[in-house]
Amino acid sequence: MINIVHLYTVFDNCKTGIERYIELFTSACDKELRNHQVYFIQNTNSIFPRIEVENNCVKALFPLPENILLKISTYWRRKYFKVIIEILTPYFTGFSEIFFHCHDLFLLDLAEEFKFQSKGKIITQMHCIPWKGYLMYNESLFNKLNQLYMNEEYGLFKKMEDSTIKYQIADQIICLSEAAREYLVNIHQVNDGKIKIIHNGINVKKNIVDYRRKKDPIEILYVGKITRDKGIYELLDALRIVNDKGYDFKVIIAGAISNKSRQEINSDYKKLNINILGQISYAELQKLYKTCTIGIIPSLHEQCSYVALEMAMHGMPMIVSKIDALAEMFKHEETILYTPLVFDPDTGLNIDKDKFVKNIIYLINNENLRKKMSRNVQKLCIEKFNIDQMMDKTVTIYKSLCL
């Protein structure tokens, strides 16, 4: 029996792609795999651990202290993780084949401590390219790093990034894109033989839709967090220009949003017909995927997006940023329309607004293209991004490390 301990972080106000991955992974596992979950939440209402055992599977929730020292200091982080190890070790004692599947790079120290105690192995999954997170928290540093990476000045990049993430401790690293693999090889000199590229997968159904009915007005769907790095404000800026050109449409926004952001959007984009739904269930999302006319993913950085896969599975015509994994997944005017990004060291990373506006108008006007892309992107999802390929490749890694 192979035991997999998923290590990850959750947030109380939104559901992440990592949670979606683990949900799909555990539901698709066969009997030779036993899934355990150790996850952390930063929430003042959760101050005590909660551990449940069902069918010999452990599910453990731990609070993530808000103390900044825990986040920036390896010493204090390890102190906290050792307490967790002491609590959980009895639950994992006696497992012959155990893998600590780390979905959050912040938790690699915990995975290392577990490995030391249990003699298990570590699988690291790159759900993000970590330095790109600076776009939200230190845009000046992001711009400097982006410039260095584009110029292939990898030595200077590594020095400025100053990462403490220990990629080398992993027995295997799963990347969701070639972009992530290149980052590990070029910057951190990870052995290429230790890296496998496995795209996210999703449960697919053939002919889930024949074609969505024409709507008046057209409905444009955005799904995701309401943050700068997800490109939502650049999308709204582009849609304002489209609206000024006389096009009639409705914008539907589904995703976690603060009251402040909701008020700002309603105030700054008064001319647009916007319906902000906030965080909604997957069942509610499915209805939107089946009925909305166009889906738009304007992210400024992104890996193998589950929103993109869900839209593709439902045959949704899409406009997608040409960046990271998204740039590797589709073909322009065959399965989606790509919008390029532009970078300037002074003004930063942005969507090419002129091209973005043209793509939106082009897709609104071209029903035949929408029909073609709808068929093609659903076919692509069925053939390339089904959950069977994800599971087969991942289980192969576990089994190879058992030998």
Protein backbone atom coordinates (compact mmCIF):
# COMPACT_ATOMS: atom_id res chain seq x y z
CA MET A 1 0.00 0.00 0.00
CA ILE A 2 1.40 3.39 -1.03
CA ASN A 3 0.63 6.17 1.46
CA ILE A 4 0.53 9.74 0.17
CA VAL A 5 0.54 12.65 2.62
CA HIS A 6 -0.59 15.82 0.86
CA LEU A 7 0.87 18.95 2.46
CA TYR A 8 -0.86 22.21 1.55
CA THR A 9 -2.36 25.50 2.73
CA VAL A 10 -6.00 26.63 2.51
CA PHE A 11 -7.69 29.99 2.86
CA ASP A 12 -11.01 30.59 4.53
CA ASN A 13 -12.26 33.08 1.93
CA CYS A 14 -11.47 31.33 -1.35
CA LYS A 15 -10.86 27.93 -2.90
CA THR A 16 -7.49 27.49 -4.59
CA GLY A 17 -6.38 25.44 -7.58
CA ILE A 18 -4.38 23.27 -5.17
CA GLU A 19 -7.55 22.32 -3.31
CA ARG A 20 -9.23 21.53 -6.63
CA TYR A 21 -6.26 19.36 -7.61
CA ILE A 22 -6.30 17.37 -4.35
CA GLU A 23 -10.07 16.97 -4.54
CA LEU A 24 -9.81 15.48 -8.04
CA PHE A 25 -6.70 13.44 -7.23
CA THR A 26 -8.16 11.76 -4.15
CA SER A 27 -11.46 11.01 -5.89
CA ALA A 28 -9.65 9.32 -8.80
CA CYS A 29 -7.24 7.18 -6.75
CA ASP A 30 -7.49 3.42 -6.89
CA LYS A 31 -7.25 1.04 -3.92
CA GLU A 32 -3.46 0.75 -3.99
CA LEU A 33 -3.11 4.39 -2.94
CA ARG A 34 -4.07 5.71 0.49
CA ASN A 35 -4.40 9.51 0.69
CA HIS A 36 -3.73 11.51 3.84
CA GLN A 37 -4.03 15.28 4.15
CA VAL A 38 -2.09 17.69 6.38
CA TYR A 39 -3.19 21.23 5.72
CA PHE A 40 -2.83 24.65 7.28
CA ILE A 41 -5.20 27.58 7.55
CA GLN A 42 -4.55 31.15 8.62
CA ASN A 43 -7.75 32.00 10.42
CA THR A 44 -8.15 33.46 13.89
CA ASN A 45 -11.15 31.18 14.42
CA SER A 46 -8.94 28.09 14.03
CA ILE A 47 -6.54 27.97 16.96
CA PHE A 48 -6.45 24.25 17.76
CA PRO A 49 -5.40 21.28 15.59
CA ARG A 50 -8.10 18.96 14.35
CA ILE A 51 -7.23 15.39 13.38
CA GLU A 52 -9.62 12.85 11.91
CA VAL A 53 -9.00 9.25 10.85
CA GLU A 54 -11.38 7.51 8.48
CA ASN A 55 -10.66 4.22 6.69
CA ASN A 56 -7.03 4.48 7.87
CA CYS A 57 -6.70 7.87 6.15
CA VAL A 58 -5.52 10.79 8.27
CA LYS A 59 -6.89 14.29 7.74
CA ALA A 60 -5.19 16.90 9.94
CA LEU A 61 -5.86 20.64 10.12
CA PHE A 62 -3.39 22.98 11.81
CA PRO A 63 -3.59 26.73 12.37
CA LEU A 64 -0.96 28.80 10.61
CA PRO A 65 0.15 31.49 13.06
CA GLU A 66 0.13 35.03 11.78
CA ASN A 67 3.54 35.69 13.36
CA ILE A 68 5.72 37.12 10.61
CA LEU A 69 8.78 35.35 12.08
CA LEU A 70 7.24 32.02 11.11
CA LYS A 71 7.04 33.14 7.50
CA ILE A 72 10.49 34.64 7.11
CA SER A 73 12.64 32.74 9.61
CA THR A 74 13.69 29.18 8.85
CA TYR A 75 14.58 28.71 12.53
CA TRP A 76 11.10 29.54 13.87
CA ARG A 77 9.38 27.75 11.03
CA ARG A 78 11.26 24.56 11.85
CA LYS A 79 10.44 24.98 15.55
CA TYR A 80 6.74 25.09 14.72
CA PHE A 81 6.95 22.19 12.30
CA LYS A 82 8.73 19.98 14.86
CA VAL A 83 5.72 20.36 17.17
CA ILE A 84 3.50 19.17 14.31
CA ILE A 85 5.81 16.22 13.66
CA GLU A 86 5.54 15.16 17.30
CA ILE A 87 1.74 15.27 17.08
CA LEU A 88 1.45 13.38 13.80
CA THR A 89 4.27 10.82 13.97
CA PRO A 90 2.12 8.21 15.81
CA TYR A 91 -0.44 8.35 13.01
CA PHE A 92 2.12 7.55 10.30
CA THR A 93 4.21 4.99 12.22
CA GLY A 94 4.46 1.61 10.50
CA PHE A 95 3.79 2.76 6.94
CA SER A 96 6.28 1.01 4.65
CA GLU A 97 5.81 3.20 1.57
CA ILE A 98 5.10 6.84 2.41
CA PHE A 99 5.38 9.94 0.24
CA PHE A 100 5.14 13.51 1.44
CA HIS A 101 3.58 15.29 -1.52
CA CYS A 102 4.29 18.97 -0.94
CA HIS A 103 1.93 21.31 -2.78
CA ASP A 104 3.10 24.47 -1.02
CA LEU A 105 6.80 25.38 -1.23
CA PHE A 106 6.49 27.05 2.17
CA LEU A 107 5.95 23.56 3.63
CA LEU A 108 9.09 21.94 2.22
CA ASP A 109 10.77 22.30 5.62
CA LEU A 110 7.92 20.27 7.11
CA ALA A 111 8.29 17.63 4.39
CA GLU A 112 12.01 17.39 5.16
CA GLU A 113 11.31 16.89 8.88
CA PHE A 114 8.73 14.19 8.05
CA LYS A 115 11.22 12.46 5.74
CA PHE A 116 13.87 12.43 8.47
CA GLN A 117 11.44 10.88 10.96
CA SER A 118 9.77 8.31 8.70
CA LYS A 119 12.35 7.55 5.99
CA GLY A 120 9.73 8.43 3.38
CA LYS A 121 10.22 10.33 0.15
CA ILE A 122 9.34 13.86 -0.95
CA ILE A 123 7.40 14.85 -4.07
CA THR A 124 7.40 18.60 -4.68
CA GLN A 125 4.70 19.99 -6.96
CA MET A 126 5.29 23.39 -8.56
CA HIS A 127 1.80 24.87 -8.59
CA CYS A 128 3.43 28.28 -9.03
CA ILE A 129 6.71 29.91 -10.02
CA PRO A 130 7.43 31.55 -6.66
CA TRP A 131 9.28 34.70 -7.71
CA LYS A 132 6.29 35.78 -9.77
CA GLY A 133 4.39 36.30 -6.53
CA TYR A 134 6.40 39.48 -6.07
CA LEU A 135 4.10 41.06 -8.64
CA MET A 136 1.58 41.40 -5.82
CA TYR A 137 3.86 42.12 -2.87
CA ASN A 138 6.91 43.91 -4.27
CA GLU A 139 6.33 44.99 -7.85
CA SER A 140 9.63 46.87 -8.05
CA LEU A 141 11.54 43.68 -7.24
CA PHE A 142 9.36 41.70 -9.66
CA ASN A 143 10.22 44.10 -12.48
CA LYS A 144 13.94 43.79 -11.79
CA LEU A 145 13.76 40.00 -11.65
CA ASN A 146 11.64 39.81 -14.80
CA GLN A 147 14.14 41.95 -16.70
CA LEU A 148 17.05 39.75 -15.58
CA TYR A 149 15.20 36.55 -16.48
CA MET A 150 14.24 37.84 -19.92
CA ASN A 151 17.90 38.78 -20.51
CA GLU A 152 19.03 35.32 -19.31
CA GLU A 153 21.17 36.88 -16.59
CA TYR A 154 20.53 33.90 -14.37
CA GLY A 155 23.40 34.45 -11.93
CA LEU A 156 22.28 37.97 -11.08
CA PHE A 157 18.68 36.77 -10.93
CA LYS A 158 19.50 34.06 -8.39
CA LYS A 159 21.41 36.51 -6.21
CA MET A 160 18.56 39.05 -6.26
CA GLU A 161 15.84 36.46 -5.75
CA ASP A 162 17.65 35.23 -2.63
CA SER A 163 15.40 32.19 -2.34
CA THR A 164 15.65 29.88 0.67
CA ILE A 165 13.51 27.17 -0.92
CA LYS A 166 15.38 23.85 -0.89
CA TYR A 167 14.32 22.27 -4.16
CA GLN A 168 17.17 19.77 -3.98
CA ILE A 169 15.67 17.85 -1.05
CA ALA A 170 12.85 16.53 -3.23
CA ASP A 171 13.15 13.01 -4.61
CA GLN A 172 11.02 14.12 -7.57
CA ILE A 173 9.61 17.46 -8.71
CA ILE A 174 6.40 17.75 -10.70
CA CYS A 175 6.12 20.86 -12.86
CA LEU A 176 2.89 21.96 -14.52
CA SER A 177 4.70 23.71 -17.37
CA GLU A 178 7.90 23.92 -19.33
CA ALA A 179 8.27 27.46 -17.96
CA ALA A 180 8.51 26.09 -14.40
CA ARG A 181 10.99 23.41 -15.46
CA GLU A 182 13.24 26.00 -17.12
CA TYR A 183 13.18 28.14 -13.99
CA LEU A 184 14.35 25.23 -11.81
CA VAL A 185 17.09 24.18 -14.23
CA ASN A 186 18.35 27.66 -15.14
CA ILE A 187 18.20 29.32 -11.71
CA HIS A 188 18.51 26.54 -9.15
CA GLN A 189 20.46 23.98 -11.19
CA VAL A 190 18.01 21.21 -10.39
CA ASN A 191 18.91 18.00 -12.22
CA ASP A 192 16.61 17.80 -15.22
CA GLY A 193 16.21 14.06 -14.64
CA LYS A 194 14.52 14.81 -11.32
CA ILE A 195 11.77 16.87 -13.01
CA LYS A 196 8.62 15.59 -14.67
CA ILE A 197 6.07 17.79 -16.44
CA ILE A 198 2.54 16.62 -15.68
CA HIS A 199 -0.37 18.84 -16.63
CA ASN A 200 -3.36 19.12 -14.37
CA GLY A 201 -6.24 16.90 -15.34
CA ILE A 202 -9.99 17.09 -15.02
CA ASN A 203 -12.96 14.75 -15.25
CA VAL A 204 -14.14 15.12 -18.82
CA LYS A 205 -17.38 14.17 -20.54
CA LYS A 206 -17.76 13.96 -24.27
CA ASN A 207 -20.27 16.31 -25.85
CA ILE A 208 -20.98 18.09 -22.59
CA VAL A 209 -22.42 20.87 -24.74
CA ASP A 210 -23.22 21.00 -28.44
CA TYR A 211 -23.04 24.77 -28.55
CA ARG A 212 -24.26 27.48 -26.26
CA ARG A 213 -27.27 29.48 -27.37
CA LYS A 214 -26.77 33.00 -28.64
CA LYS A 215 -27.50 35.53 -25.91
CA ASP A 216 -28.53 39.13 -26.04
CA PRO A 217 -26.62 40.74 -24.56
CA ILE A 218 -23.51 38.57 -24.80
CA GLU A 219 -22.26 37.37 -21.41
CA ILE A 220 -18.55 37.58 -20.65
CA LEU A 221 -17.32 35.48 -17.72
CA TYR A 222 -14.34 36.01 -15.43
CA VAL A 223 -13.58 33.44 -12.71
CA GLY A 224 -10.86 33.99 -10.12
CA LYS A 225 -9.56 36.20 -7.37
CA ILE A 226 -10.04 39.95 -7.70
CA THR A 227 -6.37 40.86 -7.65
CA ARG A 228 -3.95 42.69 -9.95
CA ASP A 229 -1.94 39.57 -10.84
CA LYS A 230 -5.09 37.89 -12.15
CA GLY A 231 -5.54 40.74 -14.64
CA ILE A 232 -9.12 41.57 -13.66
CA TYR A 233 -8.60 45.33 -13.71
CA GLU A 234 -6.93 45.22 -17.12
CA LEU A 235 -9.89 43.18 -18.33
CA LEU A 236 -12.34 45.79 -17.05
CA ASP A 237 -10.29 48.60 -18.62
CA ALA A 238 -10.40 46.78 -21.97
CA LEU A 239 -14.13 46.11 -21.66
CA ARG A 240 -14.75 49.78 -20.96
CA ILE A 241 -13.12 50.62 -24.30
CA VAL A 242 -15.21 47.93 -26.04
CA ASN A 243 -18.33 49.38 -24.42
CA ASP A 244 -17.39 52.88 -25.59
CA LYS A 245 -17.27 51.53 -29.14
CA GLY A 246 -20.96 50.65 -28.88
CA TYR A 247 -20.90 46.96 -27.98
CA ASP A 248 -23.54 45.65 -25.59
CA PHE A 249 -22.57 42.89 -23.16
CA LYS A 250 -22.87 41.75 -19.57
CA VAL A 251 -19.83 41.02 -17.38
CA ILE A 252 -20.13 38.25 -14.80
CA ILE A 253 -17.42 38.06 -12.12
CA ALA A 254 -17.15 34.96 -9.92
CA GLY A 255 -14.48 34.78 -7.24
CA ALA A 256 -13.41 35.89 -3.80
CA ILE A 257 -13.67 39.66 -3.43
CA SER A 258 -13.36 42.10 -0.56
CA ASN A 259 -16.05 44.70 0.14
CA LYS A 260 -13.54 47.41 -0.72
CA SER A 261 -12.78 45.90 -4.15
CA ARG A 262 -16.47 45.40 -4.86
CA GLN A 263 -17.18 49.06 -4.10
CA GLU A 264 -14.22 50.23 -6.20
CA ILE A 265 -15.29 48.19 -9.23
CA ASN A 266 -18.89 49.36 -9.00
CA SER A 267 -17.67 52.96 -8.68
CA ASP A 268 -14.89 52.96 -11.30
CA TYR A 269 -16.74 50.97 -13.98
CA LYS A 270 -20.26 52.39 -13.67
CA LYS A 271 -20.85 52.27 -17.42
CA LEU A 272 -20.39 48.52 -17.55
CA ASN A 273 -23.18 46.05 -16.89
CA ILE A 274 -21.41 44.03 -14.17
CA ASN A 275 -22.75 41.27 -11.94
CA ILE A 276 -20.29 40.47 -9.12
CA LEU A 277 -21.24 37.09 -7.67
CA GLY A 278 -18.37 36.63 -5.22
CA GLN A 279 -17.27 33.14 -4.23
CA ILE A 280 -19.72 30.54 -5.53
CA SER A 281 -19.89 26.73 -5.58
CA TYR A 282 -18.57 24.59 -8.41
CA ALA A 283 -22.13 23.54 -9.25
CA GLU A 284 -23.02 27.21 -9.75
CA LEU A 285 -19.86 27.73 -11.79
CA GLN A 286 -20.81 24.86 -14.09
CA LYS A 287 -24.06 26.60 -14.97
CA LEU A 288 -22.11 29.70 -15.97
CA TYR A 289 -19.61 27.65 -17.99
CA LYS A 290 -22.51 26.14 -19.94
CA THR A 291 -24.37 29.37 -20.63
CA CYS A 292 -21.97 32.34 -20.83
CA THR A 293 -20.81 33.35 -24.31
CA ILE A 294 -17.11 34.04 -23.73
CA GLY A 295 -14.65 33.22 -20.94
CA ILE A 296 -11.60 35.42 -20.33
CA ILE A 297 -8.45 34.55 -18.37
CA PRO A 298 -6.31 37.71 -18.29
CA SER A 299 -3.69 36.50 -15.77
CA LEU A 300 -0.24 38.12 -15.62
CA HIS A 301 1.24 34.81 -14.46
CA GLU A 302 -0.42 31.41 -14.33
CA GLN A 303 0.32 27.70 -14.30
CA CYS A 304 -2.01 24.94 -15.55
CA SER A 305 -5.18 26.81 -14.57
CA TYR A 306 -8.18 24.77 -13.45
CA VAL A 307 -10.44 27.63 -14.52
CA ALA A 308 -9.03 27.25 -18.04
CA LEU A 309 -9.56 23.49 -17.95
CA GLU A 310 -13.11 23.83 -16.63
CA MET A 311 -13.99 26.36 -19.32
CA ALA A 312 -12.39 24.11 -21.95
CA MET A 313 -14.29 21.05 -20.74
CA HIS A 314 -17.54 22.95 -21.19
CA GLY A 315 -16.58 24.08 -24.68
CA MET A 316 -16.34 27.74 -23.74
CA PRO A 317 -14.79 30.12 -26.29
CA MET A 318 -11.88 31.78 -24.47
CA ILE A 319 -9.47 34.71 -24.61
CA VAL A 320 -6.34 33.82 -22.63
CA SER A 321 -3.12 35.58 -21.64
CA LYS A 322 -0.09 34.22 -23.48
CA ILE A 323 2.05 33.57 -20.40
CA ASP A 324 3.67 30.62 -18.59
CA ALA A 325 1.65 27.39 -18.77
CA LEU A 326 -1.27 29.08 -20.53
CA ALA A 327 1.07 29.84 -23.46
CA GLU A 328 1.87 26.13 -23.75
CA MET A 329 -1.63 24.69 -23.49
CA PHE A 330 -3.53 26.07 -26.48
CA LYS A 331 -3.29 27.21 -30.11
CA HIS A 332 -4.26 30.71 -31.23
CA GLU A 333 -7.50 30.85 -33.26
CA GLU A 334 -7.78 27.04 -33.09
CA THR A 335 -8.72 26.46 -29.47
CA ILE A 336 -8.54 29.98 -27.94
CA LEU A 337 -7.48 33.55 -28.72
CA TYR A 338 -4.17 34.57 -27.16
CA THR A 339 -3.56 38.06 -25.84
CA PRO A 340 0.17 38.90 -25.50
CA LEU A 341 1.70 40.61 -22.50
CA VAL A 342 4.09 43.56 -22.71
CA PHE A 343 6.86 44.38 -20.26
CA ASP A 344 8.68 47.61 -19.56
CA PRO A 345 11.20 47.87 -16.69
CA ASP A 346 9.61 51.16 -15.62
CA THR A 347 5.90 50.51 -16.10
CA GLY A 348 6.01 46.78 -15.39
CA LEU A 349 4.12 43.82 -16.82
CA ASN A 350 0.78 44.49 -18.48
CA ILE A 351 -1.58 43.03 -21.03
CA ASP A 352 -1.29 44.43 -24.54
CA LYS A 353 -4.43 46.55 -24.27
CA ASP A 354 -4.86 47.24 -28.00
CA LYS A 355 -4.62 43.55 -28.86
CA PHE A 356 -6.87 42.66 -25.93
CA VAL A 357 -9.61 45.01 -27.13
CA LYS A 358 -9.29 43.71 -30.69
CA ASN A 359 -9.57 40.10 -29.51
CA ILE A 360 -12.71 40.82 -27.49
CA ILE A 361 -14.40 42.61 -30.40
CA TYR A 362 -13.24 39.92 -32.85
CA LEU A 363 -14.77 37.14 -30.75
CA ILE A 364 -17.99 39.05 -30.09
CA ASN A 365 -18.46 39.59 -33.83
CA ASN A 366 -17.40 36.14 -35.02
CA GLU A 367 -19.91 33.48 -34.07
CA ASN A 368 -18.39 30.92 -36.44
CA LEU A 369 -15.02 31.30 -34.73
CA ARG A 370 -16.69 30.84 -31.35
CA LYS A 371 -18.31 27.62 -32.58
CA LYS A 372 -15.02 26.31 -33.99
CA MET A 373 -13.03 27.08 -30.85
CA SER A 374 -15.78 25.62 -28.67
CA ARG A 375 -15.54 22.26 -30.44
CA ASN A 376 -11.74 22.27 -30.64
CA VAL A 377 -11.00 23.28 -27.07
CA GLN A 378 -13.34 20.65 -25.69
CA LYS A 379 -11.68 18.02 -27.87
CA LEU A 380 -8.26 19.18 -26.63
CA CYS A 381 -9.39 18.91 -23.02
CA ILE A 382 -10.69 15.37 -23.53
CA GLU A 383 -7.50 14.21 -25.26
CA LYS A 384 -4.76 16.03 -23.35
CA PHE A 385 -6.06 17.28 -20.01
CA ASN A 386 -8.16 14.37 -18.78
CA ILE A 387 -7.65 13.15 -15.23
CA ASP A 388 -6.53 9.69 -16.36
CA GLN A 389 -3.31 11.01 -17.89
CA MET A 390 -2.60 13.07 -14.76
CA MET A 391 -3.15 10.09 -12.47
CA ASP A 392 -1.24 7.58 -14.62
CA LYS A 393 1.87 9.78 -14.82
CA THR A 394 1.78 10.70 -11.13
CA VAL A 395 1.27 7.14 -9.91
CA THR A 396 4.13 6.04 -12.16
CA ILE A 397 6.40 8.41 -10.21
CA TYR A 398 5.32 6.94 -6.87
CA LYS A 399 5.88 3.39 -8.08
CA SER A 400 9.28 4.16 -9.61
CA LEU A 401 10.48 5.59 -6.29
CA CYS A 402 9.31 2.47 -4.46
CA LEU A 403 11.74 0.30 -6.39
